[in-house]
Amino acid sequence: MAGTKLEDKRVFLVASPDAERQTQFGFYIQKHIAHATIFYTSDGHEATLKLENAPPDVLITDYVLPRVTGIELVDHVLKNQKYNEVQCIIASRLPDTEHFVDDVVTGRVQFYIDDKNEMRFTS
């Protein structure tokens, strides 16, 4: 799916322990992406199981998750060829360490640092 626009993506997995944040991301997705299917999870281990069962087009994850962190989850996606088409958005401040530098440069991983700004989320 190289060169695929966000509008062409349809299946999302949102991983956040915060129900309000899940709802917020779901609202943004439904508002801007027609025919989106959204799966939700509140912990990283469950997100890993959902990835195995039905890989999404886009993974949106918090940095901090119970059981498996968002960084570990994204790292799992990037290292497994089964998920080559999965794009990742980490909803967090930028990490202190240089995680995913090459993947940020290529656009496969993005950091979304302002979860109250819908325009920033959809751009």
C-alpha atoms as a PDB file:
ATOM      1  CA  MET A   1       0.000   0.000   0.000  1.00  0.00           C
ATOM      2  CA  ALA A   2       2.896   2.363  -0.587  1.00  0.00           C
ATOM      3  CA  GLY A   3       1.592   5.839  -1.276  1.00  0.00           C
ATOM      4  CA  THR A   4      -1.859   5.063   0.099  1.00  0.00           C
ATOM      5  CA  LYS A   5      -3.608   8.114   1.523  1.00  0.00           C
ATOM      6  CA  LEU A   6      -5.099   8.098   5.005  1.00  0.00           C
ATOM      7  CA  GLU A   7      -8.551   8.369   3.409  1.00  0.00           C
ATOM      8  CA  ASP A   8      -8.009   4.956   1.797  1.00  0.00           C
ATOM      9  CA  LYS A   9      -7.379   3.286   5.162  1.00  0.00           C
ATOM     10  CA  ARG A  10     -10.369   1.600   6.699  1.00  0.00           C
ATOM     11  CA  VAL A  11      -9.446  -0.630   9.678  1.00  0.00           C
ATOM     12  CA  PHE A  12      -8.093   0.971  12.847  1.00  0.00           C
ATOM     13  CA  LEU A  13      -6.923  -0.471  16.149  1.00  0.00           C
ATOM     14  CA  VAL A  14      -6.944   2.037  19.022  1.00  0.00           C
ATOM     15  CA  ALA A  15      -4.981   0.954  22.108  1.00  0.00           C
ATOM     16  CA  SER A  16      -5.420   3.142  25.182  1.00  0.00           C
ATOM     17  CA  PRO A  17      -6.211   2.431  28.825  1.00  0.00           C
ATOM     18  CA  ASP A  18      -8.234   5.668  28.888  1.00  0.00           C
ATOM     19  CA  ALA A  19     -11.844   5.126  27.726  1.00  0.00           C
ATOM     20  CA  GLU A  20     -12.344   8.852  27.088  1.00  0.00           C
ATOM     21  CA  ARG A  21      -9.277   8.919  24.846  1.00  0.00           C
ATOM     22  CA  GLN A  22     -10.519   5.865  22.944  1.00  0.00           C
ATOM     23  CA  THR A  23     -13.826   7.640  22.382  1.00  0.00           C
ATOM     24  CA  GLN A  24     -12.053  10.805  21.246  1.00  0.00           C
ATOM     25  CA  PHE A  25      -9.916   8.974  18.689  1.00  0.00           C
ATOM     26  CA  GLY A  26     -12.940   6.995  17.505  1.00  0.00           C
ATOM     27  CA  PHE A  27     -14.861  10.237  17.006  1.00  0.00           C
ATOM     28  CA  TYR A  28     -12.027  11.778  14.983  1.00  0.00           C
ATOM     29  CA  ILE A  29     -11.704   8.676  12.820  1.00  0.00           C
ATOM     30  CA  GLN A  30     -15.450   8.342  12.151  1.00  0.00           C
ATOM     31  CA  LYS A  31     -15.729  12.031  11.368  1.00  0.00           C
ATOM     32  CA  HIS A  32     -12.914  12.052   8.803  1.00  0.00           C
ATOM     33  CA  ILE A  33     -12.692   8.513   7.398  1.00  0.00           C
ATOM     34  CA  ALA A  34     -15.727   7.087   5.611  1.00  0.00           C
ATOM     35  CA  HIS A  35     -16.572   3.446   6.307  1.00  0.00           C
ATOM     36  CA  ALA A  36     -13.924   3.061   9.012  1.00  0.00           C
ATOM     37  CA  THR A  37     -13.928  -0.035  11.208  1.00  0.00           C
ATOM     38  CA  ILE A  38     -12.458   0.626  14.631  1.00  0.00           C
ATOM     39  CA  PHE A  39     -11.344  -1.922  17.201  1.00  0.00           C
ATOM     40  CA  TYR A  40     -10.513  -0.812  20.734  1.00  0.00           C
ATOM     41  CA  THR A  41      -8.344  -2.287  23.452  1.00  0.00           C
ATOM     42  CA  SER A  42      -7.195  -1.063  26.836  1.00  0.00           C
ATOM     43  CA  ASP A  43      -3.924  -2.977  27.159  1.00  0.00           C
ATOM     44  CA  GLY A  44      -0.932  -3.872  25.028  1.00  0.00           C
ATOM     45  CA  HIS A  45      -1.239  -7.643  25.403  1.00  0.00           C
ATOM     46  CA  GLU A  46      -4.807  -7.602  24.105  1.00  0.00           C
ATOM     47  CA  ALA A  47      -3.679  -5.307  21.274  1.00  0.00           C
ATOM     48  CA  THR A  48      -1.065  -7.896  20.289  1.00  0.00           C
ATOM     49  CA  LEU A  49      -3.766 -10.585  20.169  1.00  0.00           C
ATOM     50  CA  LYS A  50      -6.026  -8.364  18.053  1.00  0.00           C
ATOM     51  CA  LEU A  51      -3.111  -7.676  15.696  1.00  0.00           C
ATOM     52  CA  GLU A  52      -2.598 -11.412  15.270  1.00  0.00           C
ATOM     53  CA  ASN A  53      -6.300 -12.017  14.654  1.00  0.00           C
ATOM     54  CA  ALA A  54      -6.953  -9.178  12.201  1.00  0.00           C
ATOM     55  CA  PRO A  55      -4.100  -6.781  11.353  1.00  0.00           C
ATOM     56  CA  PRO A  56      -5.426  -3.225  10.980  1.00  0.00           C
ATOM     57  CA  ASP A  57      -4.400  -0.650   8.419  1.00  0.00           C
ATOM     58  CA  VAL A  58      -3.590   1.814  11.202  1.00  0.00           C
ATOM     59  CA  LEU A  59      -2.548   1.208  14.814  1.00  0.00           C
ATOM     60  CA  ILE A  60      -3.062   4.135  17.190  1.00  0.00           C
ATOM     61  CA  THR A  61      -1.498   3.478  20.576  1.00  0.00           C
ATOM     62  CA  ASP A  62      -0.694   5.289  23.775  1.00  0.00           C
ATOM     63  CA  TYR A  63       2.929   5.227  24.863  1.00  0.00           C
ATOM     64  CA  VAL A  64       1.945   3.783  28.237  1.00  0.00           C
ATOM     65  CA  LEU A  65      -0.227   0.659  28.216  1.00  0.00           C
ATOM     66  CA  PRO A  66      -0.672  -2.115  30.775  1.00  0.00           C
ATOM     67  CA  ARG A  67       1.196  -5.412  30.223  1.00  0.00           C
ATOM     68  CA  VAL A  68       2.861  -4.455  26.910  1.00  0.00           C
ATOM     69  CA  THR A  69       3.866  -0.815  26.333  1.00  0.00           C
ATOM     70  CA  GLY A  70       2.974   1.126  23.215  1.00  0.00           C
ATOM     71  CA  ILE A  71       6.661   1.188  22.246  1.00  0.00           C
ATOM     72  CA  GLU A  72       6.878  -2.612  22.572  1.00  0.00           C
ATOM     73  CA  LEU A  73       3.670  -2.949  20.570  1.00  0.00           C
ATOM     74  CA  VAL A  74       4.940  -0.751  17.730  1.00  0.00           C
ATOM     75  CA  ASP A  75       8.304  -2.505  17.829  1.00  0.00           C
ATOM     76  CA  HIS A  76       6.466  -5.839  17.431  1.00  0.00           C
ATOM     77  CA  VAL A  77       4.599  -4.476  14.405  1.00  0.00           C
ATOM     78  CA  LEU A  78       7.754  -3.150  12.762  1.00  0.00           C
ATOM     79  CA  LYS A  79       9.758  -6.345  13.266  1.00  0.00           C
ATOM     80  CA  ASN A  80       7.098  -8.727  11.945  1.00  0.00           C
ATOM     81  CA  GLN A  81       6.745  -8.856   8.159  1.00  0.00           C
ATOM     82  CA  LYS A  82       3.124  -9.930   8.584  1.00  0.00           C
ATOM     83  CA  TYR A  83       2.430  -6.292   9.516  1.00  0.00           C
ATOM     84  CA  ASN A  84       4.363  -4.543   6.735  1.00  0.00           C
ATOM     85  CA  GLU A  85       1.236  -2.642   5.694  1.00  0.00           C
ATOM     86  CA  VAL A  86       0.327  -1.460   9.208  1.00  0.00           C
ATOM     87  CA  GLN A  87       0.927   2.246   9.821  1.00  0.00           C
ATOM     88  CA  CYS A  88       1.549   3.281  13.442  1.00  0.00           C
ATOM     89  CA  ILE A  89       0.606   6.417  15.350  1.00  0.00           C
ATOM     90  CA  ILE A  90       1.933   6.782  18.884  1.00  0.00           C
ATOM     91  CA  ALA A  91      -0.232   9.191  20.869  1.00  0.00           C
ATOM     92  CA  SER A  92       2.312  10.567  23.280  1.00  0.00           C
ATOM     93  CA  ARG A  93       5.007  13.069  23.857  1.00  0.00           C
ATOM     94  CA  LEU A  94       8.176  12.350  21.927  1.00  0.00           C
ATOM     95  CA  PRO A  95      10.242   9.690  23.712  1.00  0.00           C
ATOM     96  CA  ASP A  96      13.505  10.564  25.440  1.00  0.00           C
ATOM     97  CA  THR A  97      15.309   7.901  23.443  1.00  0.00           C
ATOM     98  CA  GLU A  98      15.626   7.633  19.682  1.00  0.00           C
ATOM     99  CA  HIS A  99      12.931   5.052  19.042  1.00  0.00           C
ATOM    100  CA  PHE A 100      11.853   4.431  15.449  1.00  0.00           C
ATOM    101  CA  VAL A 101      13.914   7.229  13.872  1.00  0.00           C
ATOM    102  CA  ASP A 102      14.087   5.514  10.469  1.00  0.00           C
ATOM    103  CA  ASP A 103      10.383   4.655  10.577  1.00  0.00           C
ATOM    104  CA  VAL A 104       9.451   8.238  11.448  1.00  0.00           C
ATOM    105  CA  VAL A 105      11.517   9.456   8.487  1.00  0.00           C
ATOM    106  CA  THR A 106       9.713   7.057   6.117  1.00  0.00           C
ATOM    107  CA  GLY A 107       6.325   7.950   7.607  1.00  0.00           C
ATOM    108  CA  ARG A 108       5.493   4.465   8.846  1.00  0.00           C
ATOM    109  CA  VAL A 109       5.508   5.702  12.444  1.00  0.00           C
ATOM    110  CA  GLN A 110       4.145   9.056  13.544  1.00  0.00           C
ATOM    111  CA  PHE A 111       3.922  10.703  16.936  1.00  0.00           C
ATOM    112  CA  TYR A 112       0.737  12.558  17.767  1.00  0.00           C
ATOM    113  CA  ILE A 113       1.520  14.776  20.726  1.00  0.00           C
ATOM    114  CA  ASP A 114      -1.596  16.962  21.053  1.00  0.00           C
ATOM    115  CA  ASP A 115      -4.638  14.748  21.615  1.00  0.00           C
ATOM    116  CA  LYS A 116      -6.916  17.755  22.127  1.00  0.00           C
ATOM    117  CA  ASN A 117      -6.262  19.119  18.622  1.00  0.00           C
ATOM    118  CA  GLU A 118      -8.468  17.395  16.044  1.00  0.00           C
ATOM    119  CA  MET A 119      -6.900  19.272  13.122  1.00  0.00           C
ATOM    120  CA  ARG A 120      -3.449  18.052  14.051  1.00  0.00           C
ATOM    121  CA  PHE A 121      -4.770  14.485  14.329  1.00  0.00           C
ATOM    122  CA  THR A 122      -6.314  14.532  10.858  1.00  0.00           C
ATOM    123  CA  SER A 123      -3.493  16.266   9.007  1.00  0.00           C
END
